[in-house]
Structures are given as C-alpha cells and as structure tokens.
Amino acid sequence: LIDTFASGIDIVVDYLWGQSALSIMTAVVK
C-alpha cells in the first residue's frame, strides 16, 4: 500500500473494516 500510495491516494471506500482498514490507514499515515 505504501508503495502504491507513492503515486497518491485521494479516497478509500471501505466495506470490510478490521485489520485491513487499519493497514490502509497506517499506510496513508506513513
């Protein structure tokens, strides 16, 4: 995710929550 977000990320639509959502938010922060 961090590697992918190097090109930018504007919107996340989350249908799962839980660990996958936390990983995505962590990758956004980092």
mmCIF file of all heavy atoms, coordinates in Angstrom:
data_MODEL
# 
_entry.id   MODEL 
# 
loop_
_atom_site.group_PDB 
_atom_site.id 
_atom_site.type_symbol 
_atom_site.label_atom_id 
_atom_site.label_alt_id 
_atom_site.label_comp_id 
_atom_site.label_asym_id 
_atom_site.label_entity_id 
_atom_site.label_seq_id 
_atom_site.pdbx_PDB_ins_code 
_atom_site.Cartn_x 
_atom_site.Cartn_y 
_atom_site.Cartn_z 
_atom_site.occupancy 
_atom_site.B_iso_or_equiv 
_atom_site.pdbx_formal_charge 
_atom_site.auth_seq_id 
_atom_site.auth_comp_id 
_atom_site.auth_asym_id 
_atom_site.auth_atom_id 
_atom_site.pdbx_PDB_model_num 
ATOM 1   N N   . LEU A 1 1  ? 0.824   -1.205 0.000  1.00 0.00 ? 1  LEU A N   1 
ATOM 2   C CA  . LEU A 1 1  ? 0.000   0.000  0.000  1.00 0.00 ? 1  LEU A CA  1 
ATOM 3   C C   . LEU A 1 1  ? 0.861   1.259  0.000  1.00 0.00 ? 1  LEU A C   1 
ATOM 4   O O   . LEU A 1 1  ? 0.601   2.205  -0.758 1.00 0.00 ? 1  LEU A O   1 
ATOM 5   C CB  . LEU A 1 1  ? -0.937  0.006  1.210  1.00 0.00 ? 1  LEU A CB  1 
ATOM 6   C CG  . LEU A 1 1  ? -2.069  -1.025 1.209  1.00 0.00 ? 1  LEU A CG  1 
ATOM 7   C CD1 . LEU A 1 1  ? -2.707  -1.093 2.589  1.00 0.00 ? 1  LEU A CD1 1 
ATOM 8   C CD2 . LEU A 1 1  ? -3.117  -0.692 0.166  1.00 0.00 ? 1  LEU A CD2 1 
ATOM 9   N N   . ILE A 1 2  ? 1.878   1.281  0.842  1.00 0.00 ? 2  ILE A N   1 
ATOM 10  C CA  . ILE A 1 2  ? 2.762   2.448  0.903  1.00 0.00 ? 2  ILE A CA  1 
ATOM 11  C C   . ILE A 1 2  ? 3.408   2.688  -0.458 1.00 0.00 ? 2  ILE A C   1 
ATOM 12  O O   . ILE A 1 2  ? 3.478   3.828  -0.938 1.00 0.00 ? 2  ILE A O   1 
ATOM 13  C CB  . ILE A 1 2  ? 3.829   2.253  1.993  1.00 0.00 ? 2  ILE A CB  1 
ATOM 14  C CG1 . ILE A 1 2  ? 3.173   2.296  3.389  1.00 0.00 ? 2  ILE A CG1 1 
ATOM 15  C CG2 . ILE A 1 2  ? 4.917   3.314  1.889  1.00 0.00 ? 2  ILE A CG2 1 
ATOM 16  C CD1 . ILE A 1 2  ? 4.119   1.942  4.526  1.00 0.00 ? 2  ILE A CD1 1 
ATOM 17  N N   . ASP A 1 3  ? 3.872   1.617  -1.096 1.00 0.00 ? 3  ASP A N   1 
ATOM 18  C CA  . ASP A 1 3  ? 4.483   1.751  -2.423 1.00 0.00 ? 3  ASP A CA  1 
ATOM 19  C C   . ASP A 1 3  ? 3.470   2.287  -3.432 1.00 0.00 ? 3  ASP A C   1 
ATOM 20  O O   . ASP A 1 3  ? 3.797   3.136  -4.272 1.00 0.00 ? 3  ASP A O   1 
ATOM 21  C CB  . ASP A 1 3  ? 5.018   0.399  -2.899 1.00 0.00 ? 3  ASP A CB  1 
ATOM 22  C CG  . ASP A 1 3  ? 6.179   -0.103 -2.055 1.00 0.00 ? 3  ASP A CG  1 
ATOM 23  O OD1 . ASP A 1 3  ? 6.780   0.706  -1.321 1.00 0.00 ? 3  ASP A OD1 1 
ATOM 24  O OD2 . ASP A 1 3  ? 6.465   -1.313 -2.113 1.00 0.00 ? 3  ASP A OD2 1 
ATOM 25  N N   . THR A 1 4  ? 2.236   1.791  -3.351 1.00 0.00 ? 4  THR A N   1 
ATOM 26  C CA  . THR A 1 4  ? 1.190   2.229  -4.278 1.00 0.00 ? 4  THR A CA  1 
ATOM 27  C C   . THR A 1 4  ? 0.789   3.670  -4.020 1.00 0.00 ? 4  THR A C   1 
ATOM 28  O O   . THR A 1 4  ? 0.546   4.444  -4.957 1.00 0.00 ? 4  THR A O   1 
ATOM 29  C CB  . THR A 1 4  ? -0.043  1.312  -4.162 1.00 0.00 ? 4  THR A CB  1 
ATOM 30  O OG1 . THR A 1 4  ? 0.337   -0.040 -4.424 1.00 0.00 ? 4  THR A OG1 1 
ATOM 31  C CG2 . THR A 1 4  ? -1.128  1.724  -5.154 1.00 0.00 ? 4  THR A CG2 1 
ATOM 32  N N   . PHE A 1 5  ? 0.748   4.053  -2.753 1.00 0.00 ? 5  PHE A N   1 
ATOM 33  C CA  . PHE A 1 5  ? 0.328   5.403  -2.387 1.00 0.00 ? 5  PHE A CA  1 
ATOM 34  C C   . PHE A 1 5  ? 1.376   6.453  -2.745 1.00 0.00 ? 5  PHE A C   1 
ATOM 35  O O   . PHE A 1 5  ? 1.106   7.657  -2.645 1.00 0.00 ? 5  PHE A O   1 
ATOM 36  C CB  . PHE A 1 5  ? 0.015   5.484  -0.901 1.00 0.00 ? 5  PHE A CB  1 
ATOM 37  C CG  . PHE A 1 5  ? -1.211  4.713  -0.477 1.00 0.00 ? 5  PHE A CG  1 
ATOM 38  C CD1 . PHE A 1 5  ? -1.504  4.527  0.869  1.00 0.00 ? 5  PHE A CD1 1 
ATOM 39  C CD2 . PHE A 1 5  ? -2.069  4.172  -1.421 1.00 0.00 ? 5  PHE A CD2 1 
ATOM 40  C CE1 . PHE A 1 5  ? -2.632  3.819  1.263  1.00 0.00 ? 5  PHE A CE1 1 
ATOM 41  C CE2 . PHE A 1 5  ? -3.199  3.461  -1.039 1.00 0.00 ? 5  PHE A CE2 1 
ATOM 42  C CZ  . PHE A 1 5  ? -3.479  3.278  0.303  1.00 0.00 ? 5  PHE A CZ  1 
ATOM 43  N N   . ALA A 1 6  ? 2.554   6.015  -3.159 1.00 0.00 ? 6  ALA A N   1 
ATOM 44  C CA  . ALA A 1 6  ? 3.571   6.969  -3.588 1.00 0.00 ? 6  ALA A CA  1 
ATOM 45  C C   . ALA A 1 6  ? 3.075   7.797  -4.767 1.00 0.00 ? 6  ALA A C   1 
ATOM 46  O O   . ALA A 1 6  ? 3.499   8.940  -4.972 1.00 0.00 ? 6  ALA A O   1 
ATOM 47  C CB  . ALA A 1 6  ? 4.858   6.240  -3.957 1.00 0.00 ? 6  ALA A CB  1 
ATOM 48  N N   . SER A 1 7  ? 2.138   7.211  -5.536 1.00 0.00 ? 7  SER A N   1 
ATOM 49  C CA  . SER A 1 7  ? 1.545   7.928  -6.668 1.00 0.00 ? 7  SER A CA  1 
ATOM 50  C C   . SER A 1 7  ? 0.312   8.709  -6.245 1.00 0.00 ? 7  SER A C   1 
ATOM 51  O O   . SER A 1 7  ? -0.319  9.365  -7.084 1.00 0.00 ? 7  SER A O   1 
ATOM 52  C CB  . SER A 1 7  ? 1.170   6.926  -7.776 1.00 0.00 ? 7  SER A CB  1 
ATOM 53  O OG  . SER A 1 7  ? 2.309   6.235  -8.236 1.00 0.00 ? 7  SER A OG  1 
ATOM 54  N N   . GLY A 1 8  ? -0.047  8.611  -4.961 1.00 0.00 ? 8  GLY A N   1 
ATOM 55  C CA  . GLY A 1 8  ? -1.177  9.366  -4.430 1.00 0.00 ? 8  GLY A CA  1 
ATOM 56  C C   . GLY A 1 8  ? -2.394  8.510  -4.154 1.00 0.00 ? 8  GLY A C   1 
ATOM 57  O O   . GLY A 1 8  ? -2.625  7.508  -4.831 1.00 0.00 ? 8  GLY A O   1 
ATOM 58  N N   . ILE A 1 9  ? -3.158  8.884  -3.149 1.00 0.00 ? 9  ILE A N   1 
ATOM 59  C CA  . ILE A 1 9  ? -4.442  8.258  -2.842 1.00 0.00 ? 9  ILE A CA  1 
ATOM 60  C C   . ILE A 1 9  ? -5.372  9.368  -2.328 1.00 0.00 ? 9  ILE A C   1 
ATOM 61  O O   . ILE A 1 9  ? -4.982  10.156 -1.462 1.00 0.00 ? 9  ILE A O   1 
ATOM 62  C CB  . ILE A 1 9  ? -4.301  7.113  -1.800 1.00 0.00 ? 9  ILE A CB  1 
ATOM 63  C CG1 . ILE A 1 9  ? -5.671  6.514  -1.460 1.00 0.00 ? 9  ILE A CG1 1 
ATOM 64  C CG2 . ILE A 1 9  ? -3.605  7.599  -0.535 1.00 0.00 ? 9  ILE A CG2 1 
ATOM 65  C CD1 . ILE A 1 9  ? -6.313  5.776  -2.603 1.00 0.00 ? 9  ILE A CD1 1 
ATOM 66  N N   . ASP A 1 10 ? -6.547  9.457  -2.885 1.00 0.00 ? 10 ASP A N   1 
ATOM 67  C CA  . ASP A 1 10 ? -7.475  10.516 -2.509 1.00 0.00 ? 10 ASP A CA  1 
ATOM 68  C C   . ASP A 1 10 ? -8.645  10.016 -1.679 1.00 0.00 ? 10 ASP A C   1 
ATOM 69  O O   . ASP A 1 10 ? -9.056  10.659 -0.723 1.00 0.00 ? 10 ASP A O   1 
ATOM 70  C CB  . ASP A 1 10 ? -8.012  11.203 -3.775 1.00 0.00 ? 10 ASP A CB  1 
ATOM 71  C CG  . ASP A 1 10 ? -6.899  11.848 -4.579 1.00 0.00 ? 10 ASP A CG  1 
ATOM 72  O OD1 . ASP A 1 10 ? -6.307  12.820 -4.088 1.00 0.00 ? 10 ASP A OD1 1 
ATOM 73  O OD2 . ASP A 1 10 ? -6.617  11.368 -5.698 1.00 0.00 ? 10 ASP A OD2 1 
ATOM 74  N N   . ILE A 1 11 ? -9.194  8.850  -2.063 1.00 0.00 ? 11 ILE A N   1 
ATOM 75  C CA  . ILE A 1 11 ? -10.405 8.346  -1.415 1.00 0.00 ? 11 ILE A CA  1 
ATOM 76  C C   . ILE A 1 11 ? -10.269 6.847  -1.178 1.00 0.00 ? 11 ILE A C   1 
ATOM 77  O O   . ILE A 1 11 ? -9.826  6.108  -2.066 1.00 0.00 ? 11 ILE A O   1 
ATOM 78  C CB  . ILE A 1 11 ? -11.652 8.613  -2.285 1.00 0.00 ? 11 ILE A CB  1 
ATOM 79  C CG1 . ILE A 1 11 ? -11.853 10.116 -2.510 1.00 0.00 ? 11 ILE A CG1 1 
ATOM 80  C CG2 . ILE A 1 11 ? -12.899 8.010  -1.652 1.00 0.00 ? 11 ILE A CG2 1 
ATOM 81  C CD1 . ILE A 1 11 ? -12.903 10.438 -3.555 1.00 0.00 ? 11 ILE A CD1 1 
ATOM 82  N N   . VAL A 1 12 ? -10.674 6.403  0.005  1.00 0.00 ? 12 VAL A N   1 
ATOM 83  C CA  . VAL A 1 12 ? -10.803 4.980  0.306  1.00 0.00 ? 12 VAL A CA  1 
ATOM 84  C C   . VAL A 1 12 ? -12.268 4.714  0.620  1.00 0.00 ? 12 VAL A C   1 
ATOM 85  O O   . VAL A 1 12 ? -12.857 5.406  1.465  1.00 0.00 ? 12 VAL A O   1 
ATOM 86  C CB  . VAL A 1 12 ? -9.930  4.564  1.508  1.00 0.00 ? 12 VAL A CB  1 
ATOM 87  C CG1 . VAL A 1 12 ? -10.178 3.090  1.855  1.00 0.00 ? 12 VAL A CG1 1 
ATOM 88  C CG2 . VAL A 1 12 ? -8.458  4.821  1.230  1.00 0.00 ? 12 VAL A CG2 1 
ATOM 89  N N   . VAL A 1 13 ? -12.863 3.744  -0.060 1.00 0.00 ? 13 VAL A N   1 
ATOM 90  C CA  . VAL A 1 13 ? -14.209 3.273  0.269  1.00 0.00 ? 13 VAL A CA  1 
ATOM 91  C C   . VAL A 1 13 ? -14.048 1.893  0.893  1.00 0.00 ? 13 VAL A C   1 
ATOM 92  O O   . VAL A 1 13 ? -13.621 0.943  0.232  1.00 0.00 ? 13 VAL A O   1 
ATOM 93  C CB  . VAL A 1 13 ? -15.118 3.217  -0.976 1.00 0.00 ? 13 VAL A CB  1 
ATOM 94  C CG1 . VAL A 1 13 ? -16.504 2.701  -0.597 1.00 0.00 ? 13 VAL A CG1 1 
ATOM 95  C CG2 . VAL A 1 13 ? -15.221 4.589  -1.630 1.00 0.00 ? 13 VAL A CG2 1 
ATOM 96  N N   . ASP A 1 14 ? -14.381 1.791  2.167  1.00 0.00 ? 14 ASP A N   1 
ATOM 97  C CA  . ASP A 1 14 ? -14.091 0.581  2.942  1.00 0.00 ? 14 ASP A CA  1 
ATOM 98  C C   . ASP A 1 14 ? -15.356 -0.213 3.245  1.00 0.00 ? 14 ASP A C   1 
ATOM 99  O O   . ASP A 1 14 ? -16.251 0.275  3.934  1.00 0.00 ? 14 ASP A O   1 
ATOM 100 C CB  . ASP A 1 14 ? -13.407 0.964  4.259  1.00 0.00 ? 14 ASP A CB  1 
ATOM 101 C CG  . ASP A 1 14 ? -13.274 -0.227 5.197  1.00 0.00 ? 14 ASP A CG  1 
ATOM 102 O OD1 . ASP A 1 14 ? -12.810 -1.283 4.737  1.00 0.00 ? 14 ASP A OD1 1 
ATOM 103 O OD2 . ASP A 1 14 ? -13.645 -0.095 6.379  1.00 0.00 ? 14 ASP A OD2 1 
ATOM 104 N N   . TYR A 1 15 ? -15.394 -1.454 2.746  1.00 0.00 ? 15 TYR A N   1 
ATOM 105 C CA  . TYR A 1 15 ? -16.519 -2.353 3.005  1.00 0.00 ? 15 TYR A CA  1 
ATOM 106 C C   . TYR A 1 15 ? -16.196 -3.396 4.073  1.00 0.00 ? 15 TYR A C   1 
ATOM 107 O O   . TYR A 1 15 ? -17.059 -4.211 4.399  1.00 0.00 ? 15 TYR A O   1 
ATOM 108 C CB  . TYR A 1 15 ? -16.915 -3.075 1.711  1.00 0.00 ? 15 TYR A CB  1 
ATOM 109 C CG  . TYR A 1 15 ? -17.649 -2.200 0.728  1.00 0.00 ? 15 TYR A CG  1 
ATOM 110 C CD1 . TYR A 1 15 ? -16.963 -1.583 -0.313 1.00 0.00 ? 15 TYR A CD1 1 
ATOM 111 C CD2 . TYR A 1 15 ? -19.014 -1.973 0.845  1.00 0.00 ? 15 TYR A CD2 1 
ATOM 112 C CE1 . TYR A 1 15 ? -17.629 -0.766 -1.218 1.00 0.00 ? 15 TYR A CE1 1 
ATOM 113 C CE2 . TYR A 1 15 ? -19.685 -1.155 -0.055 1.00 0.00 ? 15 TYR A CE2 1 
ATOM 114 C CZ  . TYR A 1 15 ? -18.987 -0.563 -1.083 1.00 0.00 ? 15 TYR A CZ  1 
ATOM 115 O OH  . TYR A 1 15 ? -19.644 0.261  -1.972 1.00 0.00 ? 15 TYR A OH  1 
ATOM 116 N N   . LEU A 1 16 ? -14.981 -3.413 4.620  1.00 0.00 ? 16 LEU A N   1 
ATOM 117 C CA  . LEU A 1 16 ? -14.552 -4.506 5.496  1.00 0.00 ? 16 LEU A CA  1 
ATOM 118 C C   . LEU A 1 16 ? -14.329 -4.098 6.944  1.00 0.00 ? 16 LEU A C   1 
ATOM 119 O O   . LEU A 1 16 ? -14.677 -4.829 7.859  1.00 0.00 ? 16 LEU A O   1 
ATOM 120 C CB  . LEU A 1 16 ? -13.259 -5.130 4.946  1.00 0.00 ? 16 LEU A CB  1 
ATOM 121 C CG  . LEU A 1 16 ? -13.346 -5.780 3.573  1.00 0.00 ? 16 LEU A CG  1 
ATOM 122 C CD1 . LEU A 1 16 ? -11.991 -6.360 3.182  1.00 0.00 ? 16 LEU A CD1 1 
ATOM 123 C CD2 . LEU A 1 16 ? -14.410 -6.869 3.558  1.00 0.00 ? 16 LEU A CD2 1 
ATOM 124 N N   . TRP A 1 17 ? -13.675 -2.962 7.177  1.00 0.00 ? 17 TRP A N   1 
ATOM 125 C CA  . TRP A 1 17 ? -13.220 -2.541 8.488  1.00 0.00 ? 17 TRP A CA  1 
ATOM 126 C C   . TRP A 1 17 ? -12.198 -3.538 9.024  1.00 0.00 ? 17 TRP A C   1 
ATOM 127 O O   . TRP A 1 17 ? -11.595 -4.286 8.275  1.00 0.00 ? 17 TRP A O   1 
ATOM 128 C CB  . TRP A 1 17 ? -14.389 -2.326 9.443  1.00 0.00 ? 17 TRP A CB  1 
ATOM 129 C CG  . TRP A 1 17 ? -14.097 -1.412 10.612 1.00 0.00 ? 17 TRP A CG  1 
ATOM 130 C CD1 . TRP A 1 17 ? -14.320 -1.682 11.933 1.00 0.00 ? 17 TRP A CD1 1 
ATOM 131 C CD2 . TRP A 1 17 ? -13.566 -0.080 10.568 1.00 0.00 ? 17 TRP A CD2 1 
ATOM 132 N NE1 . TRP A 1 17 ? -13.974 -0.602 12.719 1.00 0.00 ? 17 TRP A NE1 1 
ATOM 133 C CE2 . TRP A 1 17 ? -13.495 0.400  11.904 1.00 0.00 ? 17 TRP A CE2 1 
ATOM 134 C CE3 . TRP A 1 17 ? -13.129 0.748  9.536  1.00 0.00 ? 17 TRP A CE3 1 
ATOM 135 C CZ2 . TRP A 1 17 ? -13.001 1.660  12.244 1.00 0.00 ? 17 TRP A CZ2 1 
ATOM 136 C CZ3 . TRP A 1 17 ? -12.653 2.011  9.863  1.00 0.00 ? 17 TRP A CZ3 1 
ATOM 137 C CH2 . TRP A 1 17 ? -12.596 2.449  11.202 1.00 0.00 ? 17 TRP A CH2 1 
ATOM 138 N N   . GLY A 1 18 ? -11.936 -3.555 10.306 1.00 0.00 ? 18 GLY A N   1 
ATOM 139 C CA  . GLY A 1 18 ? -10.989 -4.504 10.877 1.00 0.00 ? 18 GLY A CA  1 
ATOM 140 C C   . GLY A 1 18 ? -9.548  -4.228 10.481 1.00 0.00 ? 18 GLY A C   1 
ATOM 141 O O   . GLY A 1 18 ? -9.155  -3.091 10.190 1.00 0.00 ? 18 GLY A O   1 
ATOM 142 N N   . GLN A 1 19 ? -8.744  -5.290 10.460 1.00 0.00 ? 19 GLN A N   1 
ATOM 143 C CA  . GLN A 1 19 ? -7.304  -5.172 10.249 1.00 0.00 ? 19 GLN A CA  1 
ATOM 144 C C   . GLN A 1 19 ? -6.965  -4.585 8.883  1.00 0.00 ? 19 GLN A C   1 
ATOM 145 O O   . GLN A 1 19 ? -6.017  -3.808 8.748  1.00 0.00 ? 19 GLN A O   1 
ATOM 146 C CB  . GLN A 1 19 ? -6.634  -6.541 10.398 1.00 0.00 ? 19 GLN A CB  1 
ATOM 147 C CG  . GLN A 1 19 ? -5.120  -6.522 10.198 1.00 0.00 ? 19 GLN A CG  1 
ATOM 148 C CD  . GLN A 1 19 ? -4.404  -5.606 11.170 1.00 0.00 ? 19 GLN A CD  1 
ATOM 149 O OE1 . GLN A 1 19 ? -4.610  -5.694 12.375 1.00 0.00 ? 19 GLN A OE1 1 
ATOM 150 N NE2 . GLN A 1 19 ? -3.563  -4.705 10.662 1.00 0.00 ? 19 GLN A NE2 1 
ATOM 151 N N   . SER A 1 20 ? -7.723  -4.934 7.864  1.00 0.00 ? 20 SER A N   1 
ATOM 152 C CA  . SER A 1 20 ? -7.406  -4.395 6.535  1.00 0.00 ? 20 SER A CA  1 
ATOM 153 C C   . SER A 1 20 ? -7.580  -2.883 6.503  1.00 0.00 ? 20 SER A C   1 
ATOM 154 O O   . SER A 1 20 ? -6.765  -2.155 5.913  1.00 0.00 ? 20 SER A O   1 
ATOM 155 C CB  . SER A 1 20 ? -8.278  -5.057 5.467  1.00 0.00 ? 20 SER A CB  1 
ATOM 156 O OG  . SER A 1 20 ? -9.654  -4.760 5.653  1.00 0.00 ? 20 SER A OG  1 
ATOM 157 N N   . ALA A 1 21 ? -8.630  -2.382 7.150  1.00 0.00 ? 21 ALA A N   1 
ATOM 158 C CA  . ALA A 1 21 ? -8.849  -0.939 7.205  1.00 0.00 ? 21 ALA A CA  1 
ATOM 159 C C   . ALA A 1 21 ? -7.735  -0.248 7.980  1.00 0.00 ? 21 ALA A C   1 
ATOM 160 O O   . ALA A 1 21 ? -7.237  0.816  7.578  1.00 0.00 ? 21 ALA A O   1 
ATOM 161 C CB  . ALA A 1 21 ? -10.203 -0.644 7.844  1.00 0.00 ? 21 ALA A CB  1 
ATOM 162 N N   . LEU A 1 22 ? -7.322  -0.859 9.096  1.00 0.00 ? 22 LEU A N   1 
ATOM 163 C CA  . LEU A 1 22 ? -6.241  -0.281 9.885  1.00 0.00 ? 22 LEU A CA  1 
ATOM 164 C C   . LEU A 1 22 ? -4.946  -0.235 9.079  1.00 0.00 ? 22 LEU A C   1 
ATOM 165 O O   . LEU A 1 22 ? -4.202  0.749  9.136  1.00 0.00 ? 22 LEU A O   1 
ATOM 166 C CB  . LEU A 1 22 ? -6.041  -1.089 11.166 1.00 0.00 ? 22 LEU A CB  1 
ATOM 167 C CG  . LEU A 1 22 ? -4.957  -0.585 12.121 1.00 0.00 ? 22 LEU A CG  1 
ATOM 168 C CD1 . LEU A 1 22 ? -5.239  0.849  12.562 1.00 0.00 ? 22 LEU A CD1 1 
ATOM 169 C CD2 . LEU A 1 22 ? -4.848  -1.501 13.341 1.00 0.00 ? 22 LEU A CD2 1 
ATOM 170 N N   . SER A 1 23 ? -4.674  -1.300 8.310  1.00 0.00 ? 23 SER A N   1 
ATOM 171 C CA  . SER A 1 23 ? -3.463  -1.327 7.482  1.00 0.00 ? 23 SER A CA  1 
ATOM 172 C C   . SER A 1 23 ? -3.490  -0.213 6.441  1.00 0.00 ? 23 SER A C   1 
ATOM 173 O O   . SER A 1 23 ? -2.470  0.430  6.174  1.00 0.00 ? 23 SER A O   1 
ATOM 174 C CB  . SER A 1 23 ? -3.336  -2.686 6.787  1.00 0.00 ? 23 SER A CB  1 
ATOM 175 O OG  . SER A 1 23 ? -3.101  -3.722 7.714  1.00 0.00 ? 23 SER A OG  1 
ATOM 176 N N   . ILE A 1 24 ? -4.645  0.015  5.861  1.00 0.00 ? 24 ILE A N   1 
ATOM 177 C CA  . ILE A 1 24 ? -4.771  1.073  4.855  1.00 0.00 ? 24 ILE A CA  1 
ATOM 178 C C   . ILE A 1 24 ? -4.551  2.437  5.490  1.00 0.00 ? 24 ILE A C   1 
ATOM 179 O O   . ILE A 1 24 ? -3.816  3.285  4.958  1.00 0.00 ? 24 ILE A O   1 
ATOM 180 C CB  . ILE A 1 24 ? -6.143  1.002  4.170  1.00 0.00 ? 24 ILE A CB  1 
ATOM 181 C CG1 . ILE A 1 24 ? -6.232  -0.264 3.314  1.00 0.00 ? 24 ILE A CG1 1 
ATOM 182 C CG2 . ILE A 1 24 ? -6.383  2.235  3.307  1.00 0.00 ? 24 ILE A CG2 1 
ATOM 183 C CD1 . ILE A 1 24 ? -7.632  -0.568 2.815  1.00 0.00 ? 24 ILE A CD1 1 
ATOM 184 N N   . MET A 1 25 ? -5.177  2.680  6.650  1.00 0.00 ? 25 MET A N   1 
ATOM 185 C CA  . MET A 1 25 ? -4.986  3.962  7.318  1.00 0.00 ? 25 MET A CA  1 
ATOM 186 C C   . MET A 1 25 ? -3.530  4.165  7.740  1.00 0.00 ? 25 MET A C   1 
ATOM 187 O O   . MET A 1 25 ? -2.989  5.270  7.628  1.00 0.00 ? 25 MET A O   1 
ATOM 188 C CB  . MET A 1 25 ? -5.927  4.065  8.514  1.00 0.00 ? 25 MET A CB  1 
ATOM 189 C CG  . MET A 1 25 ? -7.373  4.330  8.124  1.00 0.00 ? 25 MET A CG  1 
ATOM 190 S SD  . MET A 1 25 ? -8.461  4.639  9.543  1.00 0.00 ? 25 MET A SD  1 
ATOM 191 C CE  . MET A 1 25 ? -8.979  2.964  9.925  1.00 0.00 ? 25 MET A CE  1 
ATOM 192 N N   . THR A 1 26 ? -2.896  3.101  8.207  1.00 0.00 ? 26 THR A N   1 
ATOM 193 C CA  . THR A 1 26 ? -1.481  3.192  8.590  1.00 0.00 ? 26 THR A CA  1 
ATOM 194 C C   . THR A 1 26 ? -0.621  3.539  7.390  1.00 0.00 ? 26 THR A C   1 
ATOM 195 O O   . THR A 1 26 ? 0.304   4.365  7.479  1.00 0.00 ? 26 THR A O   1 
ATOM 196 C CB  . THR A 1 26 ? -1.014  1.869  9.208  1.00 0.00 ? 26 THR A CB  1 
ATOM 197 O OG1 . THR A 1 26 ? -1.814  1.568  10.356 1.00 0.00 ? 26 THR A OG1 1 
ATOM 198 C CG2 . THR A 1 26 ? 0.443   1.951  9.625  1.00 0.00 ? 26 THR A CG2 1 
ATOM 199 N N   . ALA A 1 27 ? -0.929  2.928  6.248  1.00 0.00 ? 27 ALA A N   1 
ATOM 200 C CA  . ALA A 1 27 ? -0.176  3.208  5.024  1.00 0.00 ? 27 ALA A CA  1 
ATOM 201 C C   . ALA A 1 27 ? -0.383  4.648  4.565  1.00 0.00 ? 27 ALA A C   1 
ATOM 202 O O   . ALA A 1 27 ? 0.547   5.288  4.055  1.00 0.00 ? 27 ALA A O   1 
ATOM 203 C CB  . ALA A 1 27 ? -0.585  2.233  3.926  1.00 0.00 ? 27 ALA A CB  1 
ATOM 204 N N   . VAL A 1 28 ? -1.594  5.168  4.762  1.00 0.00 ? 28 VAL A N   1 
ATOM 205 C CA  . VAL A 1 28 ? -1.850  6.576  4.426  1.00 0.00 ? 28 VAL A CA  1 
ATOM 206 C C   . VAL A 1 28 ? -0.998  7.484  5.310  1.00 0.00 ? 28 VAL A C   1 
ATOM 207 O O   . VAL A 1 28 ? -0.356  8.429  4.836  1.00 0.00 ? 28 VAL A O   1 
ATOM 208 C CB  . VAL A 1 28 ? -3.341  6.917  4.581  1.00 0.00 ? 28 VAL A CB  1 
ATOM 209 C CG1 . VAL A 1 28 ? -3.564  8.428  4.474  1.00 0.00 ? 28 VAL A CG1 1 
ATOM 210 C CG2 . VAL A 1 28 ? -4.173  6.196  3.527  1.00 0.00 ? 28 VAL A CG2 1 
ATOM 211 N N   . VAL A 1 29 ? -0.974  7.188  6.609  1.00 0.00 ? 29 VAL A N   1 
ATOM 212 C CA  . VAL A 1 29 ? -0.201  7.997  7.551  1.00 0.00 ? 29 VAL A CA  1 
ATOM 213 C C   . VAL A 1 29 ? 1.282   7.977  7.196  1.00 0.00 ? 29 VAL A C   1 
ATOM 214 O O   . VAL A 1 29 ? 1.963   9.011  7.213  1.00 0.00 ? 29 VAL A O   1 
ATOM 215 C CB  . VAL A 1 29 ? -0.414  7.486  8.989  1.00 0.00 ? 29 VAL A CB  1 
ATOM 216 C CG1 . VAL A 1 29 ? 0.555   8.162  9.956  1.00 0.00 ? 29 VAL A CG1 1 
ATOM 217 C CG2 . VAL A 1 29 ? -1.852  7.726  9.429  1.00 0.00 ? 29 VAL A CG2 1 
ATOM 218 N N   . LYS A 1 30 ? 1.788   6.802  6.835  1.00 0.00 ? 30 LYS A N   1 
ATOM 219 C CA  . LYS A 1 30 ? 3.217   6.658  6.570  1.00 0.00 ? 30 LYS A CA  1 
ATOM 220 C C   . LYS A 1 30 ? 3.621   7.076  5.158  1.00 0.00 ? 30 LYS A C   1 
ATOM 221 O O   . LYS A 1 30 ? 4.751   7.546  4.951  1.00 0.00 ? 30 LYS A O   1 
ATOM 222 C CB  . LYS A 1 30 ? 3.645   5.196  6.792  1.00 0.00 ? 30 LYS A CB  1 
ATOM 223 C CG  . LYS A 1 30 ? 3.586   4.728  8.228  1.00 0.00 ? 30 LYS A CG  1 
ATOM 224 C CD  . LYS A 1 30 ? 4.056   3.285  8.332  1.00 0.00 ? 30 LYS A CD  1 
ATOM 225 C CE  . LYS A 1 30 ? 4.064   2.794  9.774  1.00 0.00 ? 30 LYS A CE  1 
ATOM 226 N NZ  . LYS A 1 30 ? 4.525   1.368  9.867  1.00 0.00 ? 30 LYS A NZ  1 
# 
